[in-house]
Amino acid sequence: MLEELIRDRNALKVLDTVSDGVIITDLDRKIVFINETARRLLRYTEGEVADARCKQITHGSECEYSCPMTKAMQLGQDISGVPMWYRTKDGQLLNCRTSVTLLRDDAGKIVGGVEVFNDITHVVQLQEHAEERFSFASIIGHNKAMQEVFDLIKMVAETDSTVLITGESGTGKEMVANAIHFNSLRRNRAFVKVNCAALNEGVLESELFGHVRGAFTGAIADKMGRFELAHGGTIFLDEIAEIPPATQVKLLRVLQEGELERVGSSKSTKVDVRVIAATNRDLAVALEDGTFRQDLYYRLNVFRINLPPLRDRREDVPLLVDHFIKKIGAKMPAKNMERIEADALARLMDYRFPGNIRELENLVEHAAIRCQDGIIRTRDLPLSHAPIEEAPMPLFQIHSPLETLERDLILKTLDANEWKINRTAQRLGISRVTLWRKMKEYGVQKRSAPAP
């Protein structure tokens, strides 16, 4: 049968058109056919695989230990969906899913096998990127208030409840919305984002609910709105306080009844959408001045998550700085970004950050551009006229390389406060016991006065 298949050029020609890699081997694992897709993925030309054994071409991660072809022949049955790595001719790794179909003669005897594999490297990379970007780990913070935020995200993510995220501009409200959606049961459905402040009243209503042809000048065709696009998934309404009153009425109907009408239409459309809203405004004030509907507020404020400003979580500044140095350093490989000096970090920890985390990232990027040797120093920070606040700088337990910065901060603060333990501990925002423990841990001792 194997010989007949090889002679059937029409069948082989069809295999050359499929998008999966196909390799046909005999009982000795010698390749008798390899299609064009497999050659392209593995970087071989047509004549290079002649008389080669399968593992000499694929260099599969399972070849020596759990070859799917061998396993299929031993079990006497086909195998599908085996995850494994293939190595190309030029040394690149392909993340693949492999299936094996056994070939039998008329008597049912196994004479060879067809190995089909598809390259999912790009899909896996996208998935890993999404998991990294939208996991809880991507929201950095050891602060107690941030730990409470993490707990709230975990609680609400696995429900379909409406969430209202509040906090100053730049505190990371969109990242929290991302984390909620991508850790929910709707993670594989649409996630639609709308910045309500970026659209004027006429455009916003059409964007949210869609319109029909002829609804207004320029409506030359029916258009699906963001809520319909998000059907089955999640919609994130950023700057929700900026929605005008007329649009608030229509939004309330979606939240109450799960249906909407496109602009210019009287036909109702059912939608199944989870709503996550965010605002940096005090909605209590908006309720009082009549710019925000009370009934809509209660519909949105089912589960509330408030993000603290960065000035109230200063102990997270070193972690965030370290994260941004790595992130920005990856975009500037020629800079060889390494670290930030203790004095520069202390300067950042004293800063009020009116722009919160977004401002901190911009400051670190500015400093990275200015620094000459991969080390950020105070002179690299654009803070000469920035608002500085004399407030406690809480310390926390971290690991190398940031632990060196913690030790330097302790020494610097002790020197500035004439080695008075109570005053130093108060300045650092920690207890005397914690300060003594950290001094012992880091071997910090008062410097002896020089001999006269």
Protein backbone atom coordinates (compact mmCIF):
# COMPACT_ATOMS: atom_id res chain seq x y z
CA MET A 1 0.00 0.00 0.00
CA LEU A 2 2.84 2.37 0.83
CA GLU A 3 4.35 1.90 -2.62
CA GLU A 4 0.96 2.51 -4.22
CA LEU A 5 0.54 5.73 -2.28
CA ILE A 6 3.95 6.97 -3.38
CA ARG A 7 3.12 6.18 -7.00
CA ASP A 8 -0.17 8.08 -6.74
CA ARG A 9 1.15 11.50 -7.74
CA ASN A 10 -2.30 13.07 -7.65
CA ALA A 11 -2.69 12.19 -3.98
CA LEU A 12 0.76 13.59 -3.18
CA LYS A 13 -0.01 16.73 -5.15
CA VAL A 14 -3.06 17.30 -2.96
CA LEU A 15 -0.91 16.93 0.17
CA ASP A 16 1.36 19.68 -1.15
CA THR A 17 -1.55 22.12 -1.00
CA VAL A 18 -2.54 21.62 2.65
CA SER A 19 -1.47 24.12 5.30
CA ASP A 20 -0.15 21.48 7.72
CA GLY A 21 3.20 19.78 7.51
CA VAL A 22 2.91 16.16 6.32
CA ILE A 23 5.63 13.50 6.57
CA ILE A 24 5.07 9.88 5.48
CA THR A 25 7.49 7.27 6.84
CA ASP A 26 7.94 3.53 6.51
CA LEU A 27 8.38 1.09 9.40
CA ASP A 28 12.03 2.12 9.80
CA ARG A 29 10.98 5.79 10.15
CA LYS A 30 12.58 6.55 6.79
CA ILE A 31 10.89 9.47 5.05
CA VAL A 32 9.19 8.42 1.84
CA PHE A 33 7.35 11.70 1.34
CA ILE A 34 7.40 15.20 2.79
CA ASN A 35 5.02 17.88 1.58
CA GLU A 36 5.89 21.45 0.63
CA THR A 37 4.52 22.94 3.87
CA ALA A 38 6.73 20.68 6.02
CA ARG A 39 9.82 21.54 3.95
CA ARG A 40 9.05 25.25 4.24
CA LEU A 41 8.48 25.11 8.00
CA LEU A 42 11.62 23.05 8.59
CA ARG A 43 13.68 25.15 6.09
CA TYR A 44 14.62 22.29 3.71
CA THR A 45 14.70 22.24 -0.06
CA GLU A 46 13.04 19.46 -2.03
CA GLY A 47 16.07 17.16 -2.43
CA GLU A 48 17.59 17.55 1.00
CA VAL A 49 15.39 15.04 2.81
CA ALA A 50 15.97 12.11 0.43
CA ASP A 51 16.63 8.83 2.30
CA ALA A 52 16.72 10.62 5.68
CA ARG A 53 15.08 9.28 8.81
CA CYS A 54 12.33 11.40 10.32
CA LYS A 55 14.20 12.47 13.47
CA GLN A 56 17.17 13.64 11.37
CA ILE A 57 14.89 16.22 9.74
CA THR A 58 12.46 17.21 12.52
CA HIS A 59 14.81 16.90 15.52
CA GLY A 60 11.59 16.60 17.52
CA SER A 61 11.63 16.98 21.28
CA GLU A 62 9.91 13.58 21.66
CA CYS A 63 11.99 11.65 19.11
CA GLU A 64 14.33 10.00 21.61
CA TYR A 65 11.88 9.50 24.46
CA SER A 66 8.28 9.28 23.32
CA CYS A 67 8.13 9.37 19.54
CA PRO A 68 4.44 9.67 18.58
CA MET A 69 4.99 7.51 15.47
CA THR A 70 6.61 4.74 17.52
CA LYS A 71 3.92 4.98 20.16
CA ALA A 72 1.15 4.76 17.56
CA MET A 73 2.73 1.68 16.00
CA GLN A 74 3.18 0.02 19.39
CA LEU A 75 -0.43 0.73 20.39
CA GLY A 76 -1.73 -0.09 16.94
CA GLN A 77 -3.87 3.06 16.87
CA ASP A 78 -3.76 6.63 15.63
CA ILE A 79 -2.64 9.44 17.93
CA SER A 80 -3.64 13.10 17.79
CA GLY A 81 -2.77 16.42 19.43
CA VAL A 82 0.71 15.62 20.76
CA PRO A 83 2.50 18.85 21.84
CA MET A 84 6.16 18.87 20.84
CA TRP A 85 9.01 21.03 19.60
CA TYR A 86 10.57 20.71 16.15
CA ARG A 87 13.96 22.21 15.32
CA THR A 88 14.43 23.71 11.84
CA LYS A 89 17.52 23.31 9.68
CA ASP A 90 18.79 26.72 10.84
CA GLY A 91 18.20 25.93 14.52
CA GLN A 92 14.87 27.70 15.13
CA LEU A 93 12.32 26.03 17.41
CA LEU A 94 8.73 25.43 16.30
CA ASN A 95 5.99 24.77 18.83
CA CYS A 96 3.75 22.21 17.13
CA ARG A 97 0.78 19.91 17.59
CA THR A 98 1.39 16.52 15.98
CA SER A 99 -0.96 13.72 14.95
CA VAL A 100 -0.13 10.29 13.54
CA THR A 101 -2.32 8.20 11.22
CA LEU A 102 -1.18 4.61 10.63
CA LEU A 103 -1.04 3.15 7.12
CA ARG A 104 -2.12 -0.49 6.71
CA ASP A 105 -2.11 -2.94 3.84
CA ASP A 106 -5.15 -4.92 2.69
CA ALA A 107 -4.54 -7.48 5.42
CA GLY A 108 -4.57 -4.81 8.11
CA LYS A 109 -0.83 -4.97 8.71
CA ILE A 110 0.86 -1.66 9.58
CA VAL A 111 3.26 -0.62 6.81
CA GLY A 112 3.99 2.99 7.75
CA GLY A 113 2.50 6.18 9.10
CA VAL A 114 1.52 9.73 8.25
CA GLU A 115 2.77 12.41 10.64
CA VAL A 116 0.81 15.67 10.41
CA PHE A 117 1.96 18.72 12.35
CA ASN A 118 0.88 22.34 12.50
CA ASP A 119 3.03 25.21 13.70
CA ILE A 120 1.36 26.99 16.64
CA THR A 121 4.41 29.00 17.70
CA HIS A 122 2.81 32.34 16.94
CA VAL A 123 -0.44 31.38 18.67
CA VAL A 124 1.43 30.28 21.80
CA GLN A 125 3.47 33.49 21.82
CA LEU A 126 0.30 35.59 21.57
CA GLN A 127 -1.31 33.58 24.35
CA GLU A 128 1.74 33.91 26.59
CA HIS A 129 1.89 37.63 25.84
CA ALA A 130 -1.76 38.04 26.71
CA GLU A 131 -1.38 36.00 29.91
CA GLU A 132 1.66 38.02 30.92
CA ARG A 133 0.03 41.32 30.07
CA PHE A 134 -3.32 40.62 31.66
CA SER A 135 -2.39 38.39 34.58
CA PHE A 136 -2.54 39.63 38.16
CA ALA A 137 1.27 39.67 38.13
CA SER A 138 1.17 42.45 35.55
CA ILE A 139 -0.42 44.73 38.16
CA ILE A 140 2.55 45.47 40.38
CA GLY A 141 2.13 46.19 44.07
CA HIS A 142 2.98 44.92 47.55
CA ASN A 143 1.05 47.68 49.25
CA LYS A 144 -1.80 46.51 51.50
CA ALA A 145 -4.37 48.50 49.55
CA MET A 146 -3.17 46.92 46.30
CA GLN A 147 -3.36 43.45 47.82
CA GLU A 148 -6.99 44.19 48.60
CA VAL A 149 -7.47 45.24 44.97
CA PHE A 150 -6.05 41.88 43.84
CA ASP A 151 -8.47 40.07 46.14
CA LEU A 152 -11.41 42.05 44.74
CA ILE A 153 -10.37 41.29 41.15
CA LYS A 154 -10.23 37.57 41.92
CA MET A 155 -13.64 37.68 43.59
CA VAL A 156 -15.44 39.47 40.77
CA ALA A 157 -13.59 38.06 37.75
CA GLU A 158 -15.39 34.73 37.86
CA THR A 159 -18.82 36.40 37.94
CA ASP A 160 -20.79 38.37 35.34
CA SER A 161 -21.41 41.30 37.68
CA THR A 162 -21.03 44.90 36.56
CA VAL A 163 -17.88 46.53 37.94
CA LEU A 164 -17.12 50.20 38.60
CA ILE A 165 -13.41 51.05 38.83
CA THR A 166 -12.55 54.40 40.41
CA GLY A 167 -9.27 56.20 40.96
CA GLU A 168 -7.17 59.10 39.80
CA SER A 169 -5.89 59.35 36.25
CA GLY A 170 -2.89 57.10 35.68
CA THR A 171 -3.56 54.62 38.50
CA GLY A 172 -4.09 51.63 36.18
CA LYS A 173 -7.87 51.35 35.83
CA GLU A 174 -7.63 49.86 32.32
CA MET A 175 -5.18 47.20 33.51
CA VAL A 176 -7.66 46.17 36.22
CA ALA A 177 -10.41 45.94 33.59
CA ASN A 178 -8.09 43.80 31.45
CA ALA A 179 -7.37 41.50 34.40
CA ILE A 180 -11.06 41.08 35.19
CA HIS A 181 -11.99 40.15 31.61
CA PHE A 182 -9.04 37.87 30.89
CA ASN A 183 -9.58 35.94 34.13
CA SER A 184 -13.33 35.57 33.58
CA LEU A 185 -15.44 32.93 31.85
CA ARG A 186 -15.71 35.39 28.93
CA ARG A 187 -11.95 35.48 28.35
CA ASN A 188 -12.27 33.88 24.91
CA ARG A 189 -14.96 36.30 23.76
CA ALA A 190 -14.77 39.91 22.61
CA PHE A 191 -13.32 42.61 24.85
CA VAL A 192 -14.37 46.02 23.51
CA LYS A 193 -13.01 49.29 24.92
CA VAL A 194 -14.59 52.72 24.60
CA ASN A 195 -13.14 56.01 25.87
CA CYS A 196 -16.34 57.96 26.46
CA ALA A 197 -14.48 61.25 26.91
CA ALA A 198 -12.88 61.02 23.47
CA LEU A 199 -16.18 61.13 21.54
CA ASN A 200 -18.73 63.94 21.29
CA GLU A 201 -22.38 63.28 22.10
CA GLY A 202 -23.59 62.53 18.56
CA VAL A 203 -20.72 60.22 17.72
CA LEU A 204 -20.73 58.45 21.11
CA GLU A 205 -24.34 57.30 20.83
CA SER A 206 -23.73 55.86 17.38
CA GLU A 207 -20.49 54.21 18.52
CA LEU A 208 -22.14 52.55 21.52
CA PHE A 209 -25.46 51.49 20.02
CA GLY A 210 -24.91 51.61 16.24
CA HIS A 211 -27.13 53.26 13.64
CA VAL A 212 -29.20 52.44 10.59
CA ARG A 213 -28.79 53.82 7.11
CA GLY A 214 -30.20 57.33 6.79
CA ALA A 215 -30.32 57.96 10.55
CA PHE A 216 -28.32 61.16 10.05
CA THR A 217 -26.23 62.90 7.43
CA GLY A 218 -23.36 60.61 6.53
CA ALA A 219 -25.07 57.39 7.68
CA ILE A 220 -24.78 55.73 4.29
CA ALA A 221 -25.05 52.18 5.67
CA ASP A 222 -26.16 50.27 8.76
CA LYS A 223 -23.49 50.17 11.46
CA MET A 224 -23.13 47.80 14.40
CA GLY A 225 -22.35 49.51 17.72
CA ARG A 226 -19.77 48.57 20.32
CA PHE A 227 -22.33 46.78 22.49
CA GLU A 228 -23.32 44.50 19.62
CA LEU A 229 -19.65 43.89 18.84
CA ALA A 230 -19.13 42.89 22.48
CA HIS A 231 -22.07 40.43 22.47
CA GLY A 232 -21.11 37.43 24.58
CA GLY A 233 -18.06 39.25 25.94
CA THR A 234 -17.16 42.38 27.89
CA ILE A 235 -17.32 46.11 27.21
CA PHE A 236 -15.07 48.55 29.06
CA LEU A 237 -16.50 52.07 29.32
CA ASP A 238 -13.66 54.34 30.36
CA GLU A 239 -14.42 57.86 31.63
CA ILE A 240 -18.05 56.87 32.19
CA ALA A 241 -18.81 60.18 33.96
CA GLU A 242 -18.41 62.00 30.64
CA ILE A 243 -21.45 60.35 29.02
CA PRO A 244 -24.14 62.98 28.29
CA PRO A 245 -27.61 62.63 29.92
CA ALA A 246 -29.43 61.50 26.76
CA THR A 247 -26.95 58.67 26.21
CA GLN A 248 -27.13 57.73 29.90
CA VAL A 249 -30.82 56.88 29.43
CA LYS A 250 -30.04 54.43 26.62
CA LEU A 251 -27.14 52.92 28.58
CA LEU A 252 -29.45 52.38 31.56
CA ARG A 253 -31.81 50.39 29.34
CA VAL A 254 -28.97 48.11 28.22
CA LEU A 255 -27.99 47.48 31.84
CA GLN A 256 -31.58 46.90 32.99
CA GLU A 257 -33.04 44.95 30.11
CA GLY A 258 -30.10 43.78 28.02
CA GLU A 259 -31.44 45.38 24.85
CA LEU A 260 -30.77 48.45 22.72
CA GLU A 261 -31.99 50.34 19.69
CA ARG A 262 -29.67 51.57 16.98
CA VAL A 263 -29.82 55.29 16.25
CA GLY A 264 -32.65 55.88 13.78
CA SER A 265 -34.32 52.52 14.45
CA SER A 266 -37.24 51.42 16.64
CA LYS A 267 -36.23 47.76 16.52
CA SER A 268 -34.85 46.33 19.76
CA THR A 269 -31.76 44.15 19.71
CA LYS A 270 -30.88 41.79 22.58
CA VAL A 271 -27.28 41.81 23.78
CA ASP A 272 -25.43 39.76 26.37
CA VAL A 273 -22.58 41.98 27.53
CA ARG A 274 -20.70 42.34 30.78
CA VAL A 275 -20.06 46.00 31.63
CA ILE A 276 -16.92 47.30 33.31
CA ALA A 277 -16.90 51.07 33.79
CA ALA A 278 -14.21 53.42 35.07
CA THR A 279 -13.94 57.05 36.09
CA ASN A 280 -11.44 59.42 37.68
CA ARG A 281 -14.22 61.78 38.78
CA ASP A 282 -16.13 61.76 42.05
CA LEU A 283 -19.52 60.46 40.95
CA ALA A 284 -21.09 61.66 44.23
CA VAL A 285 -20.41 65.23 43.07
CA ALA A 286 -21.79 64.44 39.60
CA LEU A 287 -24.97 63.10 41.25
CA GLU A 288 -25.37 66.26 43.28
CA ASP A 289 -24.94 68.62 40.35
CA GLY A 290 -27.29 66.54 38.20
CA THR A 291 -24.81 65.60 35.46
CA PHE A 292 -25.03 61.89 36.24
CA ARG A 293 -28.23 59.88 36.72
CA GLN A 294 -28.72 58.31 40.12
CA ASP A 295 -30.42 55.18 38.71
CA LEU A 296 -27.53 54.64 36.27
CA TYR A 297 -25.03 55.08 39.10
CA TYR A 298 -26.70 52.33 41.13
CA ARG A 299 -26.72 50.02 38.10
CA LEU A 300 -22.99 50.59 37.56
CA ASN A 301 -21.93 50.53 41.19
CA VAL A 302 -22.70 46.85 41.74
CA PHE A 303 -19.11 45.96 42.62
CA ARG A 304 -16.65 48.78 43.18
CA ILE A 305 -12.87 48.69 43.02
CA ASN A 306 -11.01 51.84 44.06
CA LEU A 307 -7.36 52.21 43.06
CA PRO A 308 -5.11 54.13 45.47
CA PRO A 309 -2.91 56.94 44.10
CA LEU A 310 0.80 56.21 43.87
CA ARG A 311 1.61 58.73 46.63
CA ASP A 312 -0.29 56.45 49.03
CA ARG A 313 1.67 53.36 48.04
CA ARG A 314 5.25 54.62 47.97
CA GLU A 315 6.63 51.22 48.95
CA ASP A 316 5.68 50.06 45.45
CA VAL A 317 7.81 52.70 43.73
CA PRO A 318 11.05 50.59 43.70
CA LEU A 319 9.17 47.61 42.26
CA LEU A 320 7.57 49.76 39.58
CA VAL A 321 10.87 51.47 38.74
CA ASP A 322 12.59 48.10 38.37
CA HIS A 323 9.74 46.90 36.12
CA PHE A 324 9.90 50.01 33.94
CA ILE A 325 13.70 49.85 33.64
CA LYS A 326 13.38 46.31 32.26
CA LYS A 327 10.46 47.24 30.00
CA ILE A 328 12.09 50.40 28.63
CA GLY A 329 15.50 48.73 28.45
CA ALA A 330 14.04 46.13 26.09
CA LYS A 331 13.04 48.96 23.73
CA MET A 332 16.51 50.56 24.00
CA PRO A 333 18.95 47.61 23.83
CA ALA A 334 21.88 49.88 22.99
CA LYS A 335 21.47 51.60 26.38
CA ASN A 336 22.16 48.39 28.36
CA MET A 337 19.88 49.57 31.16
CA GLU A 338 20.95 48.11 34.50
CA ARG A 339 19.57 49.90 37.55
CA ILE A 340 18.83 53.13 39.40
CA GLU A 341 21.04 54.64 42.08
CA ALA A 342 19.74 54.86 45.64
CA ASP A 343 19.73 58.67 45.68
CA ALA A 344 17.66 58.81 42.51
CA LEU A 345 15.24 56.20 43.88
CA ALA A 346 14.91 58.17 47.13
CA ARG A 347 14.12 61.25 45.07
CA LEU A 348 11.32 59.37 43.29
CA MET A 349 9.96 58.04 46.57
CA ASP A 350 9.73 61.61 47.87
CA TYR A 351 7.81 62.77 44.78
CA ARG A 352 4.02 63.27 44.92
CA PHE A 353 3.27 61.83 41.44
CA PRO A 354 0.19 63.83 40.40
CA GLY A 355 0.16 61.69 37.25
CA ASN A 356 0.55 58.43 39.21
CA ILE A 357 1.98 55.30 37.56
CA ARG A 358 1.76 56.71 34.06
CA GLU A 359 3.89 59.66 35.14
CA LEU A 360 6.42 57.40 36.84
CA GLU A 361 6.86 55.39 33.65
CA ASN A 362 7.40 58.59 31.67
CA LEU A 363 9.99 59.81 34.21
CA VAL A 364 11.89 56.54 34.03
CA GLU A 365 11.84 56.60 30.22
CA HIS A 366 13.08 60.22 30.20
CA ALA A 367 15.88 59.27 32.59
CA ALA A 368 16.76 56.18 30.52
CA ILE A 369 17.19 58.36 27.44
CA ARG A 370 19.44 60.79 29.31
CA CYS A 371 21.62 58.30 31.22
CA GLN A 372 24.96 57.45 29.66
CA ASP A 373 26.01 54.13 31.21
CA GLY A 374 22.81 52.22 31.88
CA ILE A 375 22.54 53.56 35.44
CA ILE A 376 19.89 56.16 36.23
CA ARG A 377 21.13 58.92 38.51
CA THR A 378 19.40 61.92 40.09
CA ARG A 379 20.71 64.22 37.38
CA ASP A 380 18.87 62.13 34.78
CA LEU A 381 15.46 62.70 36.39
CA PRO A 382 13.48 65.78 35.27
CA LEU A 383 12.50 66.62 38.85
CA SER A 384 14.43 69.84 39.56
CA HIS A 385 11.20 71.84 39.94
CA ALA A 386 8.86 68.96 40.73
CA PRO A 387 6.61 68.90 43.81
CA ILE A 388 8.37 66.99 46.59
CA GLU A 389 6.57 65.82 49.70
CA GLU A 390 8.21 65.11 53.03
CA ALA A 391 6.38 61.92 53.91
CA PRO A 392 7.29 58.45 55.23
CA MET A 393 8.95 56.12 52.77
CA PRO A 394 7.78 52.64 53.84
CA LEU A 395 10.25 49.84 53.23
CA PHE A 396 9.44 46.29 52.28
CA GLN A 397 11.18 42.99 51.78
CA ILE A 398 12.67 42.65 48.31
CA HIS A 399 15.37 40.57 46.71
CA SER A 400 18.54 41.33 44.76
CA PRO A 401 19.24 43.58 42.93
CA LEU A 402 16.78 45.95 44.68
CA GLU A 403 17.83 44.86 48.19
CA THR A 404 21.02 46.88 47.70
CA LEU A 405 18.88 49.96 47.14
CA GLU A 406 16.94 49.25 50.34
CA ARG A 407 20.19 49.04 52.33
CA ASP A 408 21.44 52.28 50.78
CA LEU A 409 18.16 54.01 51.62
CA ILE A 410 18.44 52.93 55.25
CA LEU A 411 22.01 54.21 55.47
CA LYS A 412 21.12 57.48 53.75
CA THR A 413 18.15 58.09 56.06
CA LEU A 414 20.14 57.18 59.18
CA ASP A 415 22.85 59.67 58.21
CA ALA A 416 20.26 62.37 57.48
CA ASN A 417 18.68 61.84 60.92
CA GLU A 418 21.98 61.61 62.87
CA TRP A 419 21.42 57.88 63.46
CA LYS A 420 18.43 58.50 65.71
CA ILE A 421 16.49 55.25 65.44
CA ASN A 422 13.02 56.61 66.32
CA ARG A 423 13.24 59.50 63.86
CA THR A 424 14.70 57.30 61.10
CA ALA A 425 12.01 54.64 61.51
CA GLN A 426 9.32 57.34 61.42
CA ARG A 427 10.84 58.85 58.26
CA LEU A 428 10.92 55.44 56.59
CA GLY A 429 7.39 54.58 57.67
CA ILE A 430 8.35 51.43 59.57
CA SER A 431 8.54 50.42 63.23
CA ARG A 432 11.72 50.57 65.34
CA VAL A 433 11.73 46.77 65.53
CA THR A 434 11.57 46.47 61.73
CA LEU A 435 14.37 49.00 61.33
CA TRP A 436 16.60 47.14 63.82
CA ARG A 437 15.85 43.85 62.04
CA LYS A 438 16.74 45.28 58.64
CA MET A 439 19.92 46.91 59.99
CA LYS A 440 20.98 43.54 61.38
CA GLU A 441 20.01 41.74 58.16
CA TYR A 442 22.06 44.14 56.01
CA GLY A 443 24.94 44.49 58.48
CA VAL A 444 24.29 48.23 58.88
CA GLN A 445 26.38 49.77 61.67
CA LYS A 446 27.14 53.33 62.65
CA ARG A 447 30.33 54.51 61.06
CA SER A 448 33.08 55.19 63.56
CA ALA A 449 34.28 58.76 63.84
CA PRO A 450 37.73 59.26 62.34
CA ALA A 451 40.61 59.34 64.82
CA PRO A 452 41.86 62.83 65.68
